[in-house]
Amino acid sequence: MLLDRIKERAKKFDKSLQDVAEETGISPNTIYSWRKKTPRMDKLQQVADLLHTTTDYLSGATDDPSLPSSSESTISIDEDKPYSYHGYPVPEKYLKMIRGLMEDDIKEGKIKPDDKQQ
């Protein structure tokens, strides 16, 4: 799956696996070895960066190849819509727990609207 996804993304940018290897400085043999071996995370990240996607997508943890939007730093969990985490659906019981924790912190004055929490 990994090598197939790399090929698929490379094709979208008119690149071959050889191009990916050259542009990342990773040997073609190393990339081809990923058919059977797990790549080092730093190498996989280089490929993901080149192909404008995430390591989660390349490794099959998610089916969404898009990069996270840096302009959207908050999400609303008030709405009744499905959420996912690394391609897995977030169960409603987890959302209820998060809502409950947030409500407690709001009531206790620990957080305020637009409070930048780190």
PDB file of N, CA and C in Angstrom:
ATOM      1  N   MET A   1       0.815  -1.190   0.000  1.00  0.00           N
ATOM      2  CA  MET A   1       0.000   0.000   0.000  1.00  0.00           C
ATOM      3  C   MET A   1       0.864   1.262   0.000  1.00  0.00           C
ATOM      4  N   LEU A   2       1.905   1.296   0.832  1.00  0.00           N
ATOM      5  CA  LEU A   2       2.755   2.472   0.937  1.00  0.00           C
ATOM      6  C   LEU A   2       3.349   2.864  -0.414  1.00  0.00           C
ATOM      7  N   LEU A   3       3.954   1.926  -1.074  1.00  0.00           N
ATOM      8  CA  LEU A   3       4.588   2.220  -2.360  1.00  0.00           C
ATOM      9  C   LEU A   3       3.541   2.637  -3.398  1.00  0.00           C
ATOM     10  N   ASP A   4       2.384   2.009  -3.358  1.00  0.00           N
ATOM     11  CA  ASP A   4       1.307   2.387  -4.282  1.00  0.00           C
ATOM     12  C   ASP A   4       0.861   3.825  -4.051  1.00  0.00           C
ATOM     13  N   ARG A   5       0.752   4.208  -2.794  1.00  0.00           N
ATOM     14  CA  ARG A   5       0.333   5.585  -2.498  1.00  0.00           C
ATOM     15  C   ARG A   5       1.405   6.593  -2.891  1.00  0.00           C
ATOM     16  N   ILE A   6       2.652   6.234  -2.711  1.00  0.00           N
ATOM     17  CA  ILE A   6       3.734   7.130  -3.130  1.00  0.00           C
ATOM     18  C   ILE A   6       3.681   7.303  -4.643  1.00  0.00           C
ATOM     19  N   LYS A   7       3.512   6.200  -5.366  1.00  0.00           N
ATOM     20  CA  LYS A   7       3.425   6.271  -6.829  1.00  0.00           C
ATOM     21  C   LYS A   7       2.235   7.133  -7.255  1.00  0.00           C
ATOM     22  N   GLU A   8       1.102   6.920  -6.621  1.00  0.00           N
ATOM     23  CA  GLU A   8      -0.127   7.658  -6.947  1.00  0.00           C
ATOM     24  C   GLU A   8       0.058   9.163  -6.738  1.00  0.00           C
ATOM     25  N   ARG A   9       0.626   9.530  -5.586  1.00  0.00           N
ATOM     26  CA  ARG A   9       0.841  10.960  -5.307  1.00  0.00           C
ATOM     27  C   ARG A   9       1.901  11.535  -6.242  1.00  0.00           C
ATOM     28  N   ALA A  10       2.949  10.789  -6.496  1.00  0.00           N
ATOM     29  CA  ALA A  10       4.006  11.265  -7.391  1.00  0.00           C
ATOM     30  C   ALA A  10       3.428  11.548  -8.777  1.00  0.00           C
ATOM     31  N   LYS A  11       2.567  10.679  -9.233  1.00  0.00           N
ATOM     32  CA  LYS A  11       1.954  10.839 -10.558  1.00  0.00           C
ATOM     33  C   LYS A  11       1.159  12.142 -10.643  1.00  0.00           C
ATOM     34  N   LYS A  12       0.502  12.532  -9.543  1.00  0.00           N
ATOM     35  CA  LYS A  12      -0.266  13.784  -9.520  1.00  0.00           C
ATOM     36  C   LYS A  12       0.629  14.999  -9.731  1.00  0.00           C
ATOM     37  N   PHE A  13       1.897  14.856  -9.417  1.00  0.00           N
ATOM     38  CA  PHE A  13       2.855  15.952  -9.584  1.00  0.00           C
ATOM     39  C   PHE A  13       3.810  15.687 -10.746  1.00  0.00           C
ATOM     40  N   ASP A  14       3.393  14.782 -11.645  1.00  0.00           N
ATOM     41  CA  ASP A  14       4.194  14.414 -12.816  1.00  0.00           C
ATOM     42  C   ASP A  14       5.605  13.987 -12.439  1.00  0.00           C
ATOM     43  N   LYS A  15       5.691  13.167 -11.403  1.00  0.00           N
ATOM     44  CA  LYS A  15       6.980  12.660 -10.944  1.00  0.00           C
ATOM     45  C   LYS A  15       6.971  11.135 -10.978  1.00  0.00           C
ATOM     46  N   SER A  16       8.126  10.581 -11.214  1.00  0.00           N
ATOM     47  CA  SER A  16       8.306   9.136 -11.121  1.00  0.00           C
ATOM     48  C   SER A  16       8.906   8.823  -9.751  1.00  0.00           C
ATOM     49  N   LEU A  17       8.987   7.549  -9.419  1.00  0.00           N
ATOM     50  CA  LEU A  17       9.662   7.177  -8.173  1.00  0.00           C
ATOM     51  C   LEU A  17      11.132   7.587  -8.217  1.00  0.00           C
ATOM     52  N   GLN A  18      11.721   7.539  -9.385  1.00  0.00           N
ATOM     53  CA  GLN A  18      13.107   7.983  -9.551  1.00  0.00           C
ATOM     54  C   GLN A  18      13.219   9.476  -9.214  1.00  0.00           C
ATOM     55  N   ASP A  19      12.262  10.277  -9.679  1.00  0.00           N
ATOM     56  CA  ASP A  19      12.247  11.712  -9.354  1.00  0.00           C
ATOM     57  C   ASP A  19      12.123  11.923  -7.849  1.00  0.00           C
ATOM     58  N   VAL A  20      11.228  11.166  -7.236  1.00  0.00           N
ATOM     59  CA  VAL A  20      11.039  11.270  -5.783  1.00  0.00           C
ATOM     60  C   VAL A  20      12.345  10.956  -5.070  1.00  0.00           C
ATOM     61  N   ALA A  21      13.006   9.900  -5.504  1.00  0.00           N
ATOM     62  CA  ALA A  21      14.278   9.517  -4.899  1.00  0.00           C
ATOM     63  C   ALA A  21      15.311  10.632  -5.049  1.00  0.00           C
ATOM     64  N   GLU A  22      15.453  11.149  -6.252  1.00  0.00           N
ATOM     65  CA  GLU A  22      16.448  12.202  -6.494  1.00  0.00           C
ATOM     66  C   GLU A  22      16.152  13.457  -5.696  1.00  0.00           C
ATOM     67  N   GLU A  23      14.889  13.866  -5.671  1.00  0.00           N
ATOM     68  CA  GLU A  23      14.529  15.124  -5.012  1.00  0.00           C
ATOM     69  C   GLU A  23      14.563  15.044  -3.490  1.00  0.00           C
ATOM     70  N   THR A  24      14.473  13.850  -2.946  1.00  0.00           N
ATOM     71  CA  THR A  24      14.555  13.687  -1.490  1.00  0.00           C
ATOM     72  C   THR A  24      15.932  13.250  -1.026  1.00  0.00           C
ATOM     73  N   GLY A  25      16.744  12.800  -1.969  1.00  0.00           N
ATOM     74  CA  GLY A  25      18.066  12.303  -1.592  1.00  0.00           C
ATOM     75  C   GLY A  25      18.027  10.894  -1.017  1.00  0.00           C
ATOM     76  N   ILE A  26      16.918  10.213  -1.220  1.00  0.00           N
ATOM     77  CA  ILE A  26      16.769   8.831  -0.762  1.00  0.00           C
ATOM     78  C   ILE A  26      17.045   7.928  -1.957  1.00  0.00           C
ATOM     79  N   SER A  27      17.801   6.891  -1.749  1.00  0.00           N
ATOM     80  CA  SER A  27      18.129   6.020  -2.883  1.00  0.00           C
ATOM     81  C   SER A  27      16.872   5.322  -3.392  1.00  0.00           C
ATOM     82  N   PRO A  28      16.800   5.111  -4.709  1.00  0.00           N
ATOM     83  CA  PRO A  28      15.649   4.388  -5.264  1.00  0.00           C
ATOM     84  C   PRO A  28      15.478   3.005  -4.646  1.00  0.00           C
ATOM     85  N   ASN A  29      16.580   2.332  -4.370  1.00  0.00           N
ATOM     86  CA  ASN A  29      16.495   1.000  -3.748  1.00  0.00           C
ATOM     87  C   ASN A  29      15.829   1.060  -2.379  1.00  0.00           C
ATOM     88  N   THR A  30      16.122   2.119  -1.637  1.00  0.00           N
ATOM     89  CA  THR A  30      15.499   2.279  -0.318  1.00  0.00           C
ATOM     90  C   THR A  30      13.995   2.441  -0.472  1.00  0.00           C
ATOM     91  N   ILE A  31      13.582   3.293  -1.402  1.00  0.00           N
ATOM     92  CA  ILE A  31      12.145   3.508  -1.606  1.00  0.00           C
ATOM     93  C   ILE A  31      11.476   2.204  -2.045  1.00  0.00           C
ATOM     94  N   TYR A  32      12.090   1.488  -2.971  1.00  0.00           N
ATOM     95  CA  TYR A  32      11.501   0.218  -3.426  1.00  0.00           C
ATOM     96  C   TYR A  32      11.469  -0.824  -2.300  1.00  0.00           C
ATOM     97  N   SER A  33      12.405  -0.733  -1.352  1.00  0.00           N
ATOM     98  CA  SER A  33      12.428  -1.699  -0.241  1.00  0.00           C
ATOM     99  C   SER A  33      11.226  -1.523   0.687  1.00  0.00           C
ATOM    100  N   TRP A  34      10.553  -0.376   0.581  1.00  0.00           N
ATOM    101  CA  TRP A  34       9.387  -0.114   1.428  1.00  0.00           C
ATOM    102  C   TRP A  34       8.198  -0.995   1.069  1.00  0.00           C
ATOM    103  N   ARG A  35       8.325  -1.773   0.001  1.00  0.00           N
ATOM    104  CA  ARG A  35       7.283  -2.771  -0.302  1.00  0.00           C
ATOM    105  C   ARG A  35       7.186  -3.769   0.846  1.00  0.00           C
ATOM    106  N   LYS A  36       8.348  -4.091   1.418  1.00  0.00           N
ATOM    107  CA  LYS A  36       8.396  -5.123   2.453  1.00  0.00           C
ATOM    108  C   LYS A  36       8.874  -4.609   3.804  1.00  0.00           C
ATOM    109  N   LYS A  37       9.554  -3.467   3.813  1.00  0.00           N
ATOM    110  CA  LYS A  37      10.120  -2.935   5.054  1.00  0.00           C
ATOM    111  C   LYS A  37       9.399  -1.659   5.464  1.00  0.00           C
ATOM    112  N   THR A  38       9.407  -1.391   6.749  1.00  0.00           N
ATOM    113  CA  THR A  38       8.853  -0.144   7.257  1.00  0.00           C
ATOM    114  C   THR A  38       9.926   0.934   7.147  1.00  0.00           C
ATOM    115  N   PRO A  39       9.578   2.060   6.513  1.00  0.00           N
ATOM    116  CA  PRO A  39      10.579   3.122   6.353  1.00  0.00           C
ATOM    117  C   PRO A  39      10.852   3.860   7.653  1.00  0.00           C
ATOM    118  N   ARG A  40      12.016   4.475   7.722  1.00  0.00           N
ATOM    119  CA  ARG A  40      12.306   5.371   8.842  1.00  0.00           C
ATOM    120  C   ARG A  40      11.367   6.560   8.724  1.00  0.00           C
ATOM    121  N   MET A  41      10.904   7.050   9.852  1.00  0.00           N
ATOM    122  CA  MET A  41       9.920   8.128   9.846  1.00  0.00           C
ATOM    123  C   MET A  41      10.466   9.394   9.185  1.00  0.00           C
ATOM    124  N   ASP A  42      11.741   9.695   9.386  1.00  0.00           N
ATOM    125  CA  ASP A  42      12.297  10.917   8.783  1.00  0.00           C
ATOM    126  C   ASP A  42      12.320  10.814   7.261  1.00  0.00           C
ATOM    127  N   LYS A  43      12.572   9.628   6.741  1.00  0.00           N
ATOM    128  CA  LYS A  43      12.580   9.422   5.282  1.00  0.00           C
ATOM    129  C   LYS A  43      11.161   9.524   4.719  1.00  0.00           C
ATOM    130  N   LEU A  44      10.225   8.889   5.414  1.00  0.00           N
ATOM    131  CA  LEU A  44       8.838   8.950   4.971  1.00  0.00           C
ATOM    132  C   LEU A  44       8.320  10.394   5.011  1.00  0.00           C
ATOM    133  N   GLN A  45       8.733  11.145   6.019  1.00  0.00           N
ATOM    134  CA  GLN A  45       8.320  12.546   6.125  1.00  0.00           C
ATOM    135  C   GLN A  45       8.866  13.363   4.955  1.00  0.00           C
ATOM    136  N   GLN A  46      10.092  13.082   4.533  1.00  0.00           N
ATOM    137  CA  GLN A  46      10.666  13.774   3.377  1.00  0.00           C
ATOM    138  C   GLN A  46       9.822  13.536   2.131  1.00  0.00           C
ATOM    139  N   VAL A  47       9.410  12.297   1.943  1.00  0.00           N
ATOM    140  CA  VAL A  47       8.586  11.955   0.783  1.00  0.00           C
ATOM    141  C   VAL A  47       7.218  12.628   0.894  1.00  0.00           C
ATOM    142  N   ALA A  48       6.626  12.576   2.077  1.00  0.00           N
ATOM    143  CA  ALA A  48       5.319  13.214   2.290  1.00  0.00           C
ATOM    144  C   ALA A  48       5.401  14.717   2.006  1.00  0.00           C
ATOM    145  N   ASP A  49       6.452  15.359   2.481  1.00  0.00           N
ATOM    146  CA  ASP A  49       6.623  16.797   2.240  1.00  0.00           C
ATOM    147  C   ASP A  49       6.726  17.090   0.748  1.00  0.00           C
ATOM    148  N   LEU A  50       7.510  16.304   0.043  1.00  0.00           N
ATOM    149  CA  LEU A  50       7.676  16.495  -1.390  1.00  0.00           C
ATOM    150  C   LEU A  50       6.355  16.331  -2.137  1.00  0.00           C
ATOM    151  N   LEU A  51       5.539  15.382  -1.679  1.00  0.00           N
ATOM    152  CA  LEU A  51       4.288  15.065  -2.365  1.00  0.00           C
ATOM    153  C   LEU A  51       3.075  15.780  -1.760  1.00  0.00           C
ATOM    154  N   HIS A  52       3.337  16.739  -0.902  1.00  0.00           N
ATOM    155  CA  HIS A  52       2.277  17.586  -0.312  1.00  0.00           C
ATOM    156  C   HIS A  52       1.157  16.752   0.313  1.00  0.00           C
ATOM    157  N   THR A  53       1.572  15.839   1.176  1.00  0.00           N
ATOM    158  CA  THR A  53       0.615  14.997   1.883  1.00  0.00           C
ATOM    159  C   THR A  53       1.172  14.664   3.256  1.00  0.00           C
ATOM    160  N   THR A  54       0.519  13.766   3.952  1.00  0.00           N
ATOM    161  CA  THR A  54       0.958  13.396   5.299  1.00  0.00           C
ATOM    162  C   THR A  54       1.515  11.969   5.310  1.00  0.00           C
ATOM    163  N   THR A  55       2.300  11.680   6.316  1.00  0.00           N
ATOM    164  CA  THR A  55       2.802  10.322   6.481  1.00  0.00           C
ATOM    165  C   THR A  55       1.647   9.379   6.807  1.00  0.00           C
ATOM    166  N   ASP A  56       0.629   9.877   7.496  1.00  0.00           N
ATOM    167  CA  ASP A  56      -0.548   9.054   7.788  1.00  0.00           C
ATOM    168  C   ASP A  56      -1.210   8.581   6.501  1.00  0.00           C
ATOM    169  N   TYR A  57      -1.313   9.476   5.518  1.00  0.00           N
ATOM    170  CA  TYR A  57      -1.917   9.080   4.246  1.00  0.00           C
ATOM    171  C   TYR A  57      -1.040   8.045   3.538  1.00  0.00           C
ATOM    172  N   LEU A  58       0.242   8.335   3.433  1.00  0.00           N
ATOM    173  CA  LEU A  58       1.133   7.410   2.713  1.00  0.00           C
ATOM    174  C   LEU A  58       1.148   6.031   3.355  1.00  0.00           C
ATOM    175  N   SER A  59       1.103   5.981   4.673  1.00  0.00           N
ATOM    176  CA  SER A  59       1.172   4.686   5.367  1.00  0.00           C
ATOM    177  C   SER A  59      -0.178   3.989   5.483  1.00  0.00           C
ATOM    178  N   GLY A  60      -1.260   4.662   5.049  1.00  0.00           N
ATOM    179  CA  GLY A  60      -2.567   4.029   5.067  1.00  0.00           C
ATOM    180  C   GLY A  60      -3.376   4.254   6.322  1.00  0.00           C
ATOM    181  N   ALA A  61      -2.905   5.107   7.232  1.00  0.00           N
ATOM    182  CA  ALA A  61      -3.649   5.378   8.461  1.00  0.00           C
ATOM    183  C   ALA A  61      -4.891   6.227   8.191  1.00  0.00           C
ATOM    184  N   THR A  62      -4.897   6.949   7.077  1.00  0.00           N
ATOM    185  CA  THR A  62      -6.056   7.735   6.669  1.00  0.00           C
ATOM    186  C   THR A  62      -6.176   7.675   5.152  1.00  0.00           C
ATOM    187  N   ASP A  63      -7.370   7.935   4.660  1.00  0.00           N
ATOM    188  CA  ASP A  63      -7.574   7.973   3.221  1.00  0.00           C
ATOM    189  C   ASP A  63      -7.609   9.399   2.693  1.00  0.00           C
ATOM    190  N   ASP A  64      -7.363  10.369   3.560  1.00  0.00           N
ATOM    191  CA  ASP A  64      -7.383  11.779   3.166  1.00  0.00           C
ATOM    192  C   ASP A  64      -5.950  12.248   2.904  1.00  0.00           C
ATOM    193  N   PRO A  65      -5.616  12.536   1.645  1.00  0.00           N
ATOM    194  CA  PRO A  65      -4.252  12.950   1.329  1.00  0.00           C
ATOM    195  C   PRO A  65      -3.956  14.415   1.631  1.00  0.00           C
ATOM    196  N   SER A  66      -4.979  15.189   1.978  1.00  0.00           N
ATOM    197  CA  SER A  66      -4.762  16.621   2.161  1.00  0.00           C
ATOM    198  C   SER A  66      -4.013  16.928   3.455  1.00  0.00           C
ATOM    199  N   LEU A  67      -3.269  18.022   3.397  1.00  0.00           N
ATOM    200  CA  LEU A  67      -2.534  18.483   4.573  1.00  0.00           C
ATOM    201  C   LEU A  67      -3.492  19.188   5.511  1.00  0.00           C
ATOM    202  N   PRO A  68      -3.234  19.132   6.810  1.00  0.00           N
ATOM    203  CA  PRO A  68      -4.074  19.871   7.745  1.00  0.00           C
ATOM    204  C   PRO A  68      -3.996  21.365   7.437  1.00  0.00           C
ATOM    205  N   SER A  69      -5.108  22.037   7.558  1.00  0.00           N
ATOM    206  CA  SER A  69      -5.147  23.470   7.295  1.00  0.00           C
ATOM    207  C   SER A  69      -4.596  24.229   8.492  1.00  0.00           C
ATOM    208  N   SER A  70      -3.571  25.020   8.259  1.00  0.00           N
ATOM    209  CA  SER A  70      -2.997  25.799   9.355  1.00  0.00           C
ATOM    210  C   SER A  70      -3.853  27.017   9.663  1.00  0.00           C
ATOM    211  N   SER A  71      -4.733  27.418   8.738  1.00  0.00           N
ATOM    212  CA  SER A  71      -5.565  28.586   8.970  1.00  0.00           C
ATOM    213  C   SER A  71      -6.762  28.254   9.849  1.00  0.00           C
ATOM    214  N   GLU A  72      -7.125  26.974   9.942  1.00  0.00           N
ATOM    215  CA  GLU A  72      -8.262  26.573  10.757  1.00  0.00           C
ATOM    216  C   GLU A  72      -7.738  25.882  12.004  1.00  0.00           C
ATOM    217  N   SER A  73      -7.634  26.639  13.090  1.00  0.00           N
ATOM    218  CA  SER A  73      -7.031  26.094  14.295  1.00  0.00           C
ATOM    219  C   SER A  73      -8.065  25.576  15.280  1.00  0.00           C
ATOM    220  N   THR A  74      -9.360  25.812  15.042  1.00  0.00           N
ATOM    221  CA  THR A  74     -10.383  25.320  15.945  1.00  0.00           C
ATOM    222  C   THR A  74     -11.437  24.550  15.170  1.00  0.00           C
ATOM    223  N   ILE A  75     -12.095  23.661  15.877  1.00  0.00           N
ATOM    224  CA  ILE A  75     -13.238  22.958  15.309  1.00  0.00           C
ATOM    225  C   ILE A  75     -14.373  23.066  16.307  1.00  0.00           C
ATOM    226  N   SER A  76     -15.573  22.995  15.820  1.00  0.00           N
ATOM    227  CA  SER A  76     -16.735  23.024  16.691  1.00  0.00           C
ATOM    228  C   SER A  76     -17.214  21.604  16.902  1.00  0.00           C
ATOM    229  N   ILE A  77     -17.352  21.229  18.158  1.00  0.00           N
ATOM    230  CA  ILE A  77     -17.895  19.901  18.451  1.00  0.00           C
ATOM    231  C   ILE A  77     -19.330  20.031  18.936  1.00  0.00           C
ATOM    232  N   ASP A  78     -19.918  21.230  18.738  1.00  0.00           N
ATOM    233  CA  ASP A  78     -21.317  21.444  19.090  1.00  0.00           C
ATOM    234  C   ASP A  78     -22.248  20.812  18.067  1.00  0.00           C
ATOM    235  N   GLU A  79     -21.797  20.743  16.825  1.00  0.00           N
ATOM    236  CA  GLU A  79     -22.629  20.255  15.736  1.00  0.00           C
ATOM    237  C   GLU A  79     -22.735  18.746  15.756  1.00  0.00           C
ATOM    238  N   ASP A  80     -23.814  18.271  15.171  1.00  0.00           N
ATOM    239  CA  ASP A  80     -24.032  16.828  15.088  1.00  0.00           C
ATOM    240  C   ASP A  80     -23.507  16.328  13.749  1.00  0.00           C
ATOM    241  N   LYS A  81     -22.192  16.154  13.657  1.00  0.00           N
ATOM    242  CA  LYS A  81     -21.602  15.635  12.434  1.00  0.00           C
ATOM    243  C   LYS A  81     -20.471  14.687  12.809  1.00  0.00           C
ATOM    244  N   PRO A  82     -20.114  13.790  11.921  1.00  0.00           N
ATOM    245  CA  PRO A  82     -19.072  12.805  12.260  1.00  0.00           C
ATOM    246  C   PRO A  82     -17.682  13.440  12.308  1.00  0.00           C
ATOM    247  N   TYR A  83     -16.868  12.962  13.217  1.00  0.00           N
ATOM    248  CA  TYR A  83     -15.482  13.389  13.340  1.00  0.00           C
ATOM    249  C   TYR A  83     -14.597  12.158  13.215  1.00  0.00           C
ATOM    250  N   SER A  84     -13.358  12.393  12.807  1.00  0.00           N
ATOM    251  CA  SER A  84     -12.429  11.273  12.729  1.00  0.00           C
ATOM    252  C   SER A  84     -11.082  11.692  13.293  1.00  0.00           C
ATOM    253  N   TYR A  85     -10.312  10.701  13.703  1.00  0.00           N
ATOM    254  CA  TYR A  85      -8.966  10.893  14.219  1.00  0.00           C
ATOM    255  C   TYR A  85      -8.090   9.850  13.554  1.00  0.00           C
ATOM    256  N   HIS A  86      -7.147  10.298  12.745  1.00  0.00           N
ATOM    257  CA  HIS A  86      -6.259   9.408  11.992  1.00  0.00           C
ATOM    258  C   HIS A  86      -7.047   8.373  11.191  1.00  0.00           C
ATOM    259  N   GLY A  87      -8.181   8.807  10.644  1.00  0.00           N
ATOM    260  CA  GLY A  87      -8.973   7.928   9.804  1.00  0.00           C
ATOM    261  C   GLY A  87      -9.967   7.052  10.545  1.00  0.00           C
ATOM    262  N   TYR A  88      -9.983   7.121  11.881  1.00  0.00           N
ATOM    263  CA  TYR A  88     -10.921   6.333  12.663  1.00  0.00           C
ATOM    264  C   TYR A  88     -12.053   7.232  13.154  1.00  0.00           C
ATOM    265  N   PRO A  89     -13.294   6.747  13.127  1.00  0.00           N
ATOM    266  CA  PRO A  89     -14.398   7.582  13.614  1.00  0.00           C
ATOM    267  C   PRO A  89     -14.280   7.805  15.121  1.00  0.00           C
ATOM    268  N   VAL A  90     -14.590   9.030  15.559  1.00  0.00           N
ATOM    269  CA  VAL A  90     -14.577   9.356  16.984  1.00  0.00           C
ATOM    270  C   VAL A  90     -15.954   9.001  17.544  1.00  0.00           C
ATOM    271  N   PRO A  91     -16.006   8.084  18.502  1.00  0.00           N
ATOM    272  CA  PRO A  91     -17.304   7.688  19.069  1.00  0.00           C
ATOM    273  C   PRO A  91     -17.974   8.849  19.799  1.00  0.00           C
ATOM    274  N   GLU A  92     -19.293   8.867  19.768  1.00  0.00           N
ATOM    275  CA  GLU A  92     -20.066   9.918  20.437  1.00  0.00           C
ATOM    276  C   GLU A  92     -19.722   9.992  21.928  1.00  0.00           C
ATOM    277  N   LYS A  93     -19.435   8.844  22.558  1.00  0.00           N
ATOM    278  CA  LYS A  93     -19.110   8.878  24.002  1.00  0.00           C
ATOM    279  C   LYS A  93     -17.841   9.699  24.253  1.00  0.00           C
ATOM    280  N   TYR A  94     -16.874   9.701  23.316  1.00  0.00           N
ATOM    281  CA  TYR A  94     -15.671  10.517  23.476  1.00  0.00           C
ATOM    282  C   TYR A  94     -16.005  11.995  23.328  1.00  0.00           C
ATOM    283  N   LEU A  95     -16.866  12.317  22.362  1.00  0.00           N
ATOM    284  CA  LEU A  95     -17.266  13.710  22.185  1.00  0.00           C
ATOM    285  C   LEU A  95     -18.012  14.216  23.420  1.00  0.00           C
ATOM    286  N   LYS A  96     -18.863  13.358  24.013  1.00  0.00           N
ATOM    287  CA  LYS A  96     -19.571  13.744  25.242  1.00  0.00           C
ATOM    288  C   LYS A  96     -18.582  14.013  26.369  1.00  0.00           C
ATOM    289  N   MET A  97     -17.530  13.192  26.465  1.00  0.00           N
ATOM    290  CA  MET A  97     -16.523  13.399  27.509  1.00  0.00           C
ATOM    291  C   MET A  97     -15.822  14.740  27.305  1.00  0.00           C
ATOM    292  N   ILE A  98     -15.461  15.043  26.065  1.00  0.00           N
ATOM    293  CA  ILE A  98     -14.782  16.314  25.769  1.00  0.00           C
ATOM    294  C   ILE A  98     -15.706  17.484  26.094  1.00  0.00           C
ATOM    295  N   ARG A  99     -16.978  17.371  25.676  1.00  0.00           N
ATOM    296  CA  ARG A  99     -17.935  18.444  25.966  1.00  0.00           C
ATOM    297  C   ARG A  99     -18.071  18.650  27.474  1.00  0.00           C
ATOM    298  N   GLY A 100     -18.146  17.546  28.222  1.00  0.00           N
ATOM    299  CA  GLY A 100     -18.270  17.636  29.678  1.00  0.00           C
ATOM    300  C   GLY A 100     -17.061  18.302  30.313  1.00  0.00           C
ATOM    301  N   LEU A 101     -15.865  17.924  29.878  1.00  0.00           N
ATOM    302  CA  LEU A 101     -14.643  18.534  30.409  1.00  0.00           C
ATOM    303  C   LEU A 101     -14.609  20.027  30.093  1.00  0.00           C
ATOM    304  N   MET A 102     -14.999  20.368  28.868  1.00  0.00           N
ATOM    305  CA  MET A 102     -15.015  21.782  28.476  1.00  0.00           C
ATOM    306  C   MET A 102     -16.012  22.571  29.313  1.00  0.00           C
ATOM    307  N   GLU A 103     -17.210  22.022  29.506  1.00  0.00           N
ATOM    308  CA  GLU A 103     -18.241  22.698  30.306  1.00  0.00           C
ATOM    309  C   GLU A 103     -17.733  22.948  31.735  1.00  0.00           C
ATOM    310  N   ASP A 104     -17.094  21.948  32.326  1.00  0.00           N
ATOM    311  CA  ASP A 104     -16.547  22.108  33.678  1.00  0.00           C
ATOM    312  C   ASP A 104     -15.523  23.236  33.724  1.00  0.00           C
ATOM    313  N   ASP A 105     -14.603  23.250  32.768  1.00  0.00           N
ATOM    314  CA  ASP A 105     -13.575  24.297  32.748  1.00  0.00           C
ATOM    315  C   ASP A 105     -14.179  25.682  32.500  1.00  0.00           C
ATOM    316  N   ILE A 106     -15.205  25.755  31.669  1.00  0.00           N
ATOM    317  CA  ILE A 106     -15.865  27.043  31.411  1.00  0.00           C
ATOM    318  C   ILE A 106     -16.543  27.533  32.684  1.00  0.00           C
ATOM    319  N   LYS A 107     -17.277  26.643  33.364  1.00  0.00           N
ATOM    320  CA  LYS A 107     -17.975  27.015  34.605  1.00  0.00           C
ATOM    321  C   LYS A 107     -16.995  27.463  35.685  1.00  0.00           C
ATOM    322  N   GLU A 108     -15.854  26.808  35.757  1.00  0.00           N
ATOM    323  CA  GLU A 108     -14.850  27.146  36.779  1.00  0.00           C
ATOM    324  C   GLU A 108     -13.994  28.344  36.376  1.00  0.00           C
ATOM    325  N   GLY A 109     -14.210  28.868  35.185  1.00  0.00           N
ATOM    326  CA  GLY A 109     -13.459  30.036  34.728  1.00  0.00           C
ATOM    327  C   GLY A 109     -12.027  29.723  34.315  1.00  0.00           C
ATOM    328  N   LYS A 110     -11.734  28.460  34.079  1.00  0.00           N
ATOM    329  CA  LYS A 110     -10.379  28.068  33.683  1.00  0.00           C
ATOM    330  C   LYS A 110     -10.062  28.450  32.246  1.00  0.00           C
ATOM    331  N   ILE A 111     -11.091  28.542  31.417  1.00  0.00           N
ATOM    332  CA  ILE A 111     -10.891  28.956  30.034  1.00  0.00           C
ATOM    333  C   ILE A 111     -11.969  29.959  29.643  1.00  0.00           C
ATOM    334  N   LYS A 112     -11.639  30.766  28.659  1.00  0.00           N
ATOM    335  CA  LYS A 112     -12.562  31.771  28.147  1.00  0.00           C
ATOM    336  C   LYS A 112     -12.594  31.644  26.625  1.00  0.00           C
ATOM    337  N   PRO A 113     -13.631  32.202  25.971  1.00  0.00           N
ATOM    338  CA  PRO A 113     -13.671  32.142  24.511  1.00  0.00           C
ATOM    339  C   PRO A 113     -12.395  32.711  23.907  1.00  0.00           C
ATOM    340  N   ASP A 114     -11.901  32.029  22.874  1.00  0.00           N
ATOM    341  CA  ASP A 114     -10.675  32.437  22.163  1.00  0.00           C
ATOM    342  C   ASP A 114      -9.446  32.433  23.043  1.00  0.00           C
ATOM    343  N   ASP A 115      -9.506  31.731  24.173  1.00  0.00           N
ATOM    344  CA  ASP A 115      -8.343  31.573  25.045  1.00  0.00           C
ATOM    345  C   ASP A 115      -7.377  30.632  24.345  1.00  0.00           C
ATOM    346  N   LYS A 116      -6.158  31.070  24.127  1.00  0.00           N
ATOM    347  CA  LYS A 116      -5.163  30.249  23.418  1.00  0.00           C
ATOM    348  C   LYS A 116      -4.519  29.303  24.421  1.00  0.00           C
ATOM    349  N   GLN A 117      -4.951  28.053  24.391  1.00  0.00           N
ATOM    350  CA  GLN A 117      -4.401  27.023  25.275  1.00  0.00           C
ATOM    351  C   GLN A 117      -3.285  26.298  24.555  1.00  0.00           C
ATOM    352  N   GLN A 118      -2.231  25.997  25.192  1.00  0.00           N
ATOM    353  CA  GLN A 118      -1.119  25.254  24.602  1.00  0.00           C
ATOM    354  C   GLN A 118      -1.058  23.878  25.202  1.00  0.00           C
TER     355      GLN A 118
END
